[in-house]
Amino acid sequence: MLKESVMTNRRTLIIALSALLPGMALAHLPPGTRGPNGGQMQDIGPYHAELLARDGELSLFLFDSNDRPLSAAQASGQAIILAEGRQQTLPLAPRADGAALVATGDFRAVPALRVVVQLVPAPGMPRAQARFTPIAP
């Protein structure tokens, strides 16, 4: 009887610990991390995102917690851009190949550029948010 009780407690402990491990395994990116496309990387919800800014265009690439690329075909969101004393809110929509979300607007990619991204990774999923300073000083 005692042996069964010990085995049951061990199983319960193992199940409880295994439920916690996936959350502990999420890697947080150090500040200033650059992605494979040259953009700034940030944590956004359970994902990593890389924001690449060019004059008039933003590209947001999504990655899992192991930095493997994810499809953005079902994702949506918006980018709130703060640049040159102006604020713009632009929709983020999937690129034709589904590799990234893109937004276009009237802004220049300067070091003072600040972008807040609100991301919905897929329909029905909760919104996640991250702040970017995509142009390296």
N, C-alpha and C. Protein backbone atom coordinates (compact mmCIF):
# COMPACT_ATOMS: atom_id res chain seq x y z
N MET A 1 0.81 -1.19 0.00
CA MET A 1 0.00 0.00 0.00
C MET A 1 0.87 1.27 0.00
N LEU A 2 1.90 1.29 0.83
CA LEU A 2 2.80 2.43 0.92
C LEU A 2 3.53 2.63 -0.41
N LYS A 3 3.95 1.53 -1.04
CA LYS A 3 4.66 1.61 -2.31
C LYS A 3 3.76 2.23 -3.40
N GLU A 4 2.48 1.84 -3.44
CA GLU A 4 1.54 2.42 -4.41
C GLU A 4 1.37 3.91 -4.17
N SER A 5 1.31 4.32 -2.92
CA SER A 5 1.14 5.73 -2.58
C SER A 5 2.35 6.55 -3.04
N VAL A 6 3.54 6.01 -2.82
CA VAL A 6 4.77 6.70 -3.25
C VAL A 6 4.79 6.81 -4.77
N MET A 7 4.43 5.74 -5.48
CA MET A 7 4.41 5.77 -6.94
C MET A 7 3.38 6.77 -7.46
N THR A 8 2.22 6.84 -6.83
CA THR A 8 1.19 7.80 -7.23
C THR A 8 1.68 9.23 -7.02
N ASN A 9 2.34 9.48 -5.89
CA ASN A 9 2.87 10.82 -5.62
C ASN A 9 3.96 11.19 -6.62
N ARG A 10 4.80 10.23 -6.99
CA ARG A 10 5.84 10.49 -8.00
C ARG A 10 5.21 10.85 -9.34
N ARG A 11 4.21 10.08 -9.75
CA ARG A 11 3.53 10.35 -11.02
C ARG A 11 2.91 11.74 -11.00
N THR A 12 2.26 12.07 -9.91
CA THR A 12 1.63 13.39 -9.79
C THR A 12 2.68 14.49 -9.90
N LEU A 13 3.81 14.32 -9.22
CA LEU A 13 4.88 15.30 -9.27
C LEU A 13 5.44 15.43 -10.69
N ILE A 14 5.65 14.31 -11.35
CA ILE A 14 6.18 14.34 -12.72
C ILE A 14 5.21 15.04 -13.67
N ILE A 15 3.94 14.73 -13.55
CA ILE A 15 2.94 15.39 -14.40
C ILE A 15 2.90 16.88 -14.13
N ALA A 16 2.94 17.27 -12.86
CA ALA A 16 2.91 18.69 -12.51
C ALA A 16 4.13 19.42 -13.05
N LEU A 17 5.31 18.84 -12.91
CA LEU A 17 6.53 19.47 -13.41
C LEU A 17 6.54 19.55 -14.93
N SER A 18 6.07 18.52 -15.61
CA SER A 18 6.06 18.55 -17.07
C SER A 18 5.08 19.59 -17.60
N ALA A 19 4.04 19.90 -16.84
CA ALA A 19 3.12 20.95 -17.25
C ALA A 19 3.76 22.32 -17.13
N LEU A 20 4.69 22.49 -16.21
CA LEU A 20 5.36 23.77 -16.01
C LEU A 20 6.51 24.00 -16.96
N LEU A 21 7.17 22.95 -17.39
CA LEU A 21 8.38 23.09 -18.20
C LEU A 21 8.20 23.85 -19.51
N PRO A 22 7.12 23.64 -20.30
CA PRO A 22 7.02 24.40 -21.55
C PRO A 22 7.05 25.91 -21.32
N GLY A 23 6.42 26.40 -20.29
CA GLY A 23 6.45 27.83 -20.00
C GLY A 23 7.81 28.31 -19.59
N MET A 24 8.56 27.45 -18.89
CA MET A 24 9.89 27.82 -18.46
C MET A 24 10.87 27.79 -19.62
N ALA A 25 10.55 27.04 -20.67
CA ALA A 25 11.47 26.88 -21.79
C ALA A 25 11.42 28.06 -22.75
N LEU A 26 10.44 28.95 -22.61
CA LEU A 26 10.37 30.09 -23.51
C LEU A 26 11.58 30.98 -23.32
N ALA A 27 12.33 31.18 -24.39
CA ALA A 27 13.54 31.99 -24.31
C ALA A 27 13.19 33.46 -24.48
N HIS A 28 13.76 34.28 -23.64
CA HIS A 28 13.59 35.73 -23.77
C HIS A 28 14.81 36.28 -24.48
N LEU A 29 14.57 37.18 -25.39
CA LEU A 29 15.65 37.74 -26.19
C LEU A 29 16.37 38.86 -25.44
N PRO A 30 17.69 38.91 -25.53
CA PRO A 30 18.41 40.03 -24.93
C PRO A 30 18.16 41.31 -25.73
N PRO A 31 18.18 42.47 -25.08
CA PRO A 31 17.96 43.73 -25.79
C PRO A 31 18.95 43.90 -26.94
N GLY A 32 18.47 44.47 -28.04
CA GLY A 32 19.33 44.75 -29.18
C GLY A 32 19.57 43.58 -30.11
N THR A 33 18.90 42.46 -29.89
CA THR A 33 19.08 41.29 -30.75
C THR A 33 18.60 41.60 -32.17
N ARG A 34 19.40 41.23 -33.15
CA ARG A 34 19.05 41.41 -34.57
C ARG A 34 18.69 40.06 -35.16
N GLY A 35 17.69 40.07 -36.03
CA GLY A 35 17.21 38.84 -36.64
C GLY A 35 17.92 38.51 -37.94
N PRO A 36 17.51 37.42 -38.57
CA PRO A 36 18.16 36.97 -39.80
C PRO A 36 17.97 37.93 -40.98
N ASN A 37 16.97 38.81 -40.90
CA ASN A 37 16.74 39.77 -41.97
C ASN A 37 17.34 41.14 -41.65
N GLY A 38 18.01 41.25 -40.51
CA GLY A 38 18.66 42.50 -40.12
C GLY A 38 17.81 43.40 -39.25
N GLY A 39 16.56 42.99 -38.95
CA GLY A 39 15.67 43.82 -38.13
C GLY A 39 15.83 43.53 -36.65
N GLN A 40 15.19 44.37 -35.84
CA GLN A 40 15.22 44.20 -34.40
C GLN A 40 14.29 43.07 -33.97
N MET A 41 14.77 42.21 -33.07
CA MET A 41 13.98 41.10 -32.54
C MET A 41 13.42 41.49 -31.18
N GLN A 42 12.18 41.08 -30.91
CA GLN A 42 11.54 41.29 -29.62
C GLN A 42 10.67 40.08 -29.30
N ASP A 43 10.43 39.88 -28.01
CA ASP A 43 9.43 38.91 -27.58
C ASP A 43 8.07 39.53 -27.81
N ILE A 44 7.14 38.74 -28.33
CA ILE A 44 5.77 39.21 -28.50
C ILE A 44 4.85 38.03 -28.18
N GLY A 45 4.28 38.09 -26.99
CA GLY A 45 3.52 36.94 -26.50
C GLY A 45 4.45 35.75 -26.39
N PRO A 46 4.01 34.57 -26.82
CA PRO A 46 4.87 33.39 -26.74
C PRO A 46 5.84 33.26 -27.94
N TYR A 47 5.89 34.27 -28.78
CA TYR A 47 6.68 34.23 -30.00
C TYR A 47 7.82 35.22 -29.95
N HIS A 48 8.65 35.17 -30.97
CA HIS A 48 9.65 36.19 -31.24
C HIS A 48 9.23 36.84 -32.55
N ALA A 49 9.49 38.12 -32.66
CA ALA A 49 9.17 38.83 -33.90
C ALA A 49 10.36 39.70 -34.29
N GLU A 50 10.56 39.82 -35.57
CA GLU A 50 11.62 40.67 -36.12
C GLU A 50 10.95 41.76 -36.94
N LEU A 51 11.23 43.01 -36.58
CA LEU A 51 10.67 44.13 -37.32
C LEU A 51 11.76 44.77 -38.17
N LEU A 52 11.51 44.81 -39.45
CA LEU A 52 12.42 45.42 -40.40
C LEU A 52 11.74 46.67 -40.94
N ALA A 53 12.40 47.81 -40.82
CA ALA A 53 11.82 49.08 -41.26
C ALA A 53 12.64 49.67 -42.40
N ARG A 54 11.93 50.04 -43.44
CA ARG A 54 12.49 50.80 -44.56
C ARG A 54 11.59 52.01 -44.75
N ASP A 55 12.06 53.03 -45.43
CA ASP A 55 11.21 54.20 -45.66
C ASP A 55 9.87 53.77 -46.23
N GLY A 56 8.79 54.06 -45.48
CA GLY A 56 7.45 53.78 -45.95
C GLY A 56 6.98 52.34 -45.84
N GLU A 57 7.81 51.44 -45.28
CA GLU A 57 7.39 50.03 -45.22
C GLU A 57 7.95 49.33 -43.98
N LEU A 58 7.07 48.56 -43.33
CA LEU A 58 7.46 47.70 -42.22
C LEU A 58 7.21 46.25 -42.62
N SER A 59 8.11 45.37 -42.21
CA SER A 59 7.93 43.93 -42.39
C SER A 59 8.12 43.28 -41.04
N LEU A 60 7.16 42.46 -40.62
CA LEU A 60 7.21 41.77 -39.34
C LEU A 60 7.29 40.27 -39.60
N PHE A 61 8.41 39.67 -39.21
CA PHE A 61 8.63 38.23 -39.36
C PHE A 61 8.39 37.57 -38.02
N LEU A 62 7.71 36.42 -38.01
CA LEU A 62 7.38 35.71 -36.78
C LEU A 62 8.22 34.45 -36.64
N PHE A 63 8.59 34.15 -35.38
CA PHE A 63 9.40 32.98 -35.06
C PHE A 63 8.85 32.31 -33.80
N ASP A 64 9.07 31.01 -33.70
CA ASP A 64 8.69 30.34 -32.46
C ASP A 64 9.76 30.62 -31.40
N SER A 65 9.61 30.03 -30.21
CA SER A 65 10.55 30.33 -29.13
C SER A 65 11.94 29.76 -29.38
N ASN A 66 12.08 28.90 -30.39
CA ASN A 66 13.40 28.38 -30.79
C ASN A 66 13.93 29.09 -32.03
N ASP A 67 13.32 30.22 -32.37
CA ASP A 67 13.71 31.05 -33.51
C ASP A 67 13.57 30.36 -34.86
N ARG A 68 12.60 29.45 -34.96
CA ARG A 68 12.26 28.85 -36.26
C ARG A 68 11.17 29.71 -36.89
N PRO A 69 11.28 30.04 -38.18
CA PRO A 69 10.28 30.89 -38.83
C PRO A 69 8.88 30.29 -38.78
N LEU A 70 7.89 31.16 -38.60
CA LEU A 70 6.49 30.77 -38.60
C LEU A 70 5.78 31.46 -39.76
N SER A 71 4.76 30.85 -40.27
CA SER A 71 3.94 31.46 -41.31
C SER A 71 3.12 32.59 -40.70
N ALA A 72 3.01 33.67 -41.42
CA ALA A 72 2.19 34.81 -40.99
C ALA A 72 0.89 34.87 -41.79
N ALA A 73 0.59 33.82 -42.54
CA ALA A 73 -0.56 33.81 -43.44
C ALA A 73 -1.89 34.03 -42.72
N GLN A 74 -2.03 33.55 -41.47
CA GLN A 74 -3.27 33.71 -40.72
C GLN A 74 -3.21 34.85 -39.72
N ALA A 75 -2.07 35.51 -39.62
CA ALA A 75 -1.88 36.57 -38.63
C ALA A 75 -2.43 37.90 -39.13
N SER A 76 -2.66 38.80 -38.17
CA SER A 76 -3.07 40.16 -38.49
C SER A 76 -2.59 41.05 -37.35
N GLY A 77 -2.79 42.33 -37.51
CA GLY A 77 -2.39 43.24 -36.45
C GLY A 77 -2.34 44.67 -36.93
N GLN A 78 -1.71 45.47 -36.11
CA GLN A 78 -1.51 46.86 -36.49
C GLN A 78 -0.19 47.35 -35.93
N ALA A 79 0.35 48.36 -36.59
CA ALA A 79 1.58 49.00 -36.16
C ALA A 79 1.27 50.46 -35.87
N ILE A 80 1.61 50.89 -34.68
CA ILE A 80 1.46 52.29 -34.30
C ILE A 80 2.85 52.89 -34.40
N ILE A 81 3.00 53.81 -35.34
CA ILE A 81 4.31 54.37 -35.66
C ILE A 81 4.42 55.77 -35.09
N LEU A 82 5.51 56.01 -34.38
CA LEU A 82 5.82 57.33 -33.85
C LEU A 82 7.10 57.78 -34.53
N ALA A 83 6.98 58.80 -35.39
CA ALA A 83 8.15 59.27 -36.13
C ALA A 83 7.97 60.73 -36.49
N GLU A 84 9.04 61.49 -36.32
CA GLU A 84 9.08 62.89 -36.73
C GLU A 84 7.90 63.68 -36.19
N GLY A 85 7.53 63.43 -34.92
CA GLY A 85 6.45 64.17 -34.28
C GLY A 85 5.05 63.77 -34.70
N ARG A 86 4.93 62.71 -35.45
CA ARG A 86 3.61 62.24 -35.91
C ARG A 86 3.35 60.83 -35.44
N GLN A 87 2.08 60.51 -35.31
CA GLN A 87 1.68 59.13 -35.00
C GLN A 87 0.76 58.63 -36.11
N GLN A 88 1.03 57.41 -36.56
CA GLN A 88 0.19 56.76 -37.57
C GLN A 88 -0.14 55.36 -37.08
N THR A 89 -1.34 54.90 -37.36
CA THR A 89 -1.71 53.52 -37.09
C THR A 89 -1.95 52.85 -38.43
N LEU A 90 -1.16 51.82 -38.69
CA LEU A 90 -1.22 51.14 -39.98
C LEU A 90 -1.59 49.67 -39.78
N PRO A 91 -2.45 49.13 -40.65
CA PRO A 91 -2.78 47.70 -40.55
C PRO A 91 -1.60 46.84 -41.02
N LEU A 92 -1.40 45.74 -40.33
CA LEU A 92 -0.41 44.74 -40.75
C LEU A 92 -1.18 43.61 -41.43
N ALA A 93 -0.78 43.29 -42.64
CA ALA A 93 -1.45 42.24 -43.41
C ALA A 93 -0.41 41.25 -43.92
N PRO A 94 -0.80 39.99 -44.10
CA PRO A 94 0.16 38.99 -44.60
C PRO A 94 0.68 39.34 -45.99
N ARG A 95 1.98 39.16 -46.16
CA ARG A 95 2.60 39.30 -47.46
C ARG A 95 2.09 38.16 -48.34
N ALA A 96 2.14 38.31 -49.64
CA ALA A 96 1.59 37.30 -50.56
C ALA A 96 2.15 35.90 -50.31
N ASP A 97 3.42 35.79 -49.93
CA ASP A 97 4.01 34.47 -49.68
C ASP A 97 3.79 33.98 -48.26
N GLY A 98 3.15 34.80 -47.41
CA GLY A 98 2.85 34.40 -46.04
C GLY A 98 4.05 34.39 -45.10
N ALA A 99 5.20 34.86 -45.57
CA ALA A 99 6.41 34.82 -44.75
C ALA A 99 6.49 35.96 -43.74
N ALA A 100 5.69 37.01 -43.93
CA ALA A 100 5.76 38.16 -43.04
C ALA A 100 4.45 38.93 -43.11
N LEU A 101 4.29 39.83 -42.14
CA LEU A 101 3.20 40.81 -42.18
C LEU A 101 3.83 42.11 -42.65
N VAL A 102 3.10 42.88 -43.45
CA VAL A 102 3.64 44.15 -43.95
C VAL A 102 2.65 45.28 -43.70
N ALA A 103 3.21 46.47 -43.58
CA ALA A 103 2.42 47.70 -43.46
C ALA A 103 3.15 48.77 -44.26
N THR A 104 2.38 49.62 -44.92
CA THR A 104 2.98 50.73 -45.66
C THR A 104 2.35 52.03 -45.20
N GLY A 105 3.15 53.08 -45.20
CA GLY A 105 2.66 54.38 -44.78
C GLY A 105 3.64 55.47 -45.14
N ASP A 106 3.38 56.65 -44.64
CA ASP A 106 4.21 57.82 -44.92
C ASP A 106 5.12 58.09 -43.72
N PHE A 107 6.29 57.45 -43.72
CA PHE A 107 7.26 57.66 -42.65
C PHE A 107 8.65 57.34 -43.19
N ARG A 108 9.64 57.84 -42.49
CA ARG A 108 11.03 57.55 -42.85
C ARG A 108 11.64 56.66 -41.79
N ALA A 109 12.49 55.76 -42.20
CA ALA A 109 13.18 54.86 -41.28
C ALA A 109 14.41 55.59 -40.73
N VAL A 110 14.20 56.29 -39.63
CA VAL A 110 15.26 57.06 -38.97
C VAL A 110 15.48 56.48 -37.57
N PRO A 111 16.63 56.76 -36.95
CA PRO A 111 16.90 56.21 -35.61
C PRO A 111 15.84 56.56 -34.56
N ALA A 112 15.15 57.67 -34.71
CA ALA A 112 14.13 58.06 -33.73
C ALA A 112 12.80 57.32 -33.91
N LEU A 113 12.69 56.50 -34.94
CA LEU A 113 11.46 55.75 -35.22
C LEU A 113 11.13 54.81 -34.06
N ARG A 114 9.89 54.85 -33.62
CA ARG A 114 9.37 53.95 -32.59
C ARG A 114 8.12 53.29 -33.13
N VAL A 115 7.99 51.98 -32.89
CA VAL A 115 6.84 51.24 -33.41
C VAL A 115 6.30 50.34 -32.30
N VAL A 116 4.99 50.41 -32.09
CA VAL A 116 4.30 49.47 -31.21
C VAL A 116 3.51 48.55 -32.10
N VAL A 117 3.77 47.25 -31.98
CA VAL A 117 3.09 46.25 -32.80
C VAL A 117 2.07 45.54 -31.92
N GLN A 118 0.84 45.47 -32.42
CA GLN A 118 -0.20 44.66 -31.79
C GLN A 118 -0.49 43.53 -32.77
N LEU A 119 -0.28 42.31 -32.31
CA LEU A 119 -0.32 41.13 -33.17
C LEU A 119 -1.40 40.16 -32.72
N VAL A 120 -2.18 39.67 -33.68
CA VAL A 120 -3.07 38.54 -33.46
C VAL A 120 -2.50 37.41 -34.32
N PRO A 121 -1.80 36.43 -33.68
CA PRO A 121 -1.09 35.40 -34.46
C PRO A 121 -1.98 34.56 -35.37
N ALA A 122 -3.23 34.33 -34.97
CA ALA A 122 -4.18 33.56 -35.77
C ALA A 122 -5.58 33.90 -35.26
N PRO A 123 -6.61 33.72 -36.09
CA PRO A 123 -7.97 34.01 -35.63
C PRO A 123 -8.30 33.28 -34.33
N GLY A 124 -8.91 34.01 -33.40
CA GLY A 124 -9.31 33.42 -32.13
C GLY A 124 -8.21 33.41 -31.07
N MET A 125 -6.99 33.79 -31.43
CA MET A 125 -5.90 33.81 -30.46
C MET A 125 -5.82 35.20 -29.81
N PRO A 126 -5.30 35.27 -28.59
CA PRO A 126 -5.21 36.56 -27.92
C PRO A 126 -4.19 37.48 -28.58
N ARG A 127 -4.45 38.77 -28.44
CA ARG A 127 -3.58 39.80 -28.98
C ARG A 127 -2.32 39.90 -28.12
N ALA A 128 -1.18 40.11 -28.77
CA ALA A 128 0.10 40.32 -28.08
C ALA A 128 0.67 41.65 -28.55
N GLN A 129 1.52 42.25 -27.73
CA GLN A 129 2.05 43.57 -28.07
C GLN A 129 3.54 43.63 -27.76
N ALA A 130 4.27 44.38 -28.59
CA ALA A 130 5.70 44.60 -28.37
C ALA A 130 6.06 45.99 -28.88
N ARG A 131 7.09 46.55 -28.27
CA ARG A 131 7.61 47.87 -28.68
C ARG A 131 8.96 47.68 -29.37
N PHE A 132 9.12 48.38 -30.48
CA PHE A 132 10.35 48.27 -31.27
C PHE A 132 10.99 49.64 -31.48
N THR A 133 12.30 49.64 -31.56
CA THR A 133 13.09 50.76 -32.08
C THR A 133 13.94 50.14 -33.18
N PRO A 134 13.34 49.95 -34.36
CA PRO A 134 13.94 49.08 -35.38
C PRO A 134 15.23 49.57 -36.05
N ILE A 135 15.51 50.85 -35.96
CA ILE A 135 16.71 51.36 -36.63
C ILE A 135 17.82 51.50 -35.61
N ALA A 136 18.90 50.78 -35.83
CA ALA A 136 20.03 50.82 -34.89
C ALA A 136 20.68 52.20 -34.92
N PRO A 137 20.96 52.76 -33.73
CA PRO A 137 21.60 54.09 -33.69
C PRO A 137 23.02 54.04 -34.21
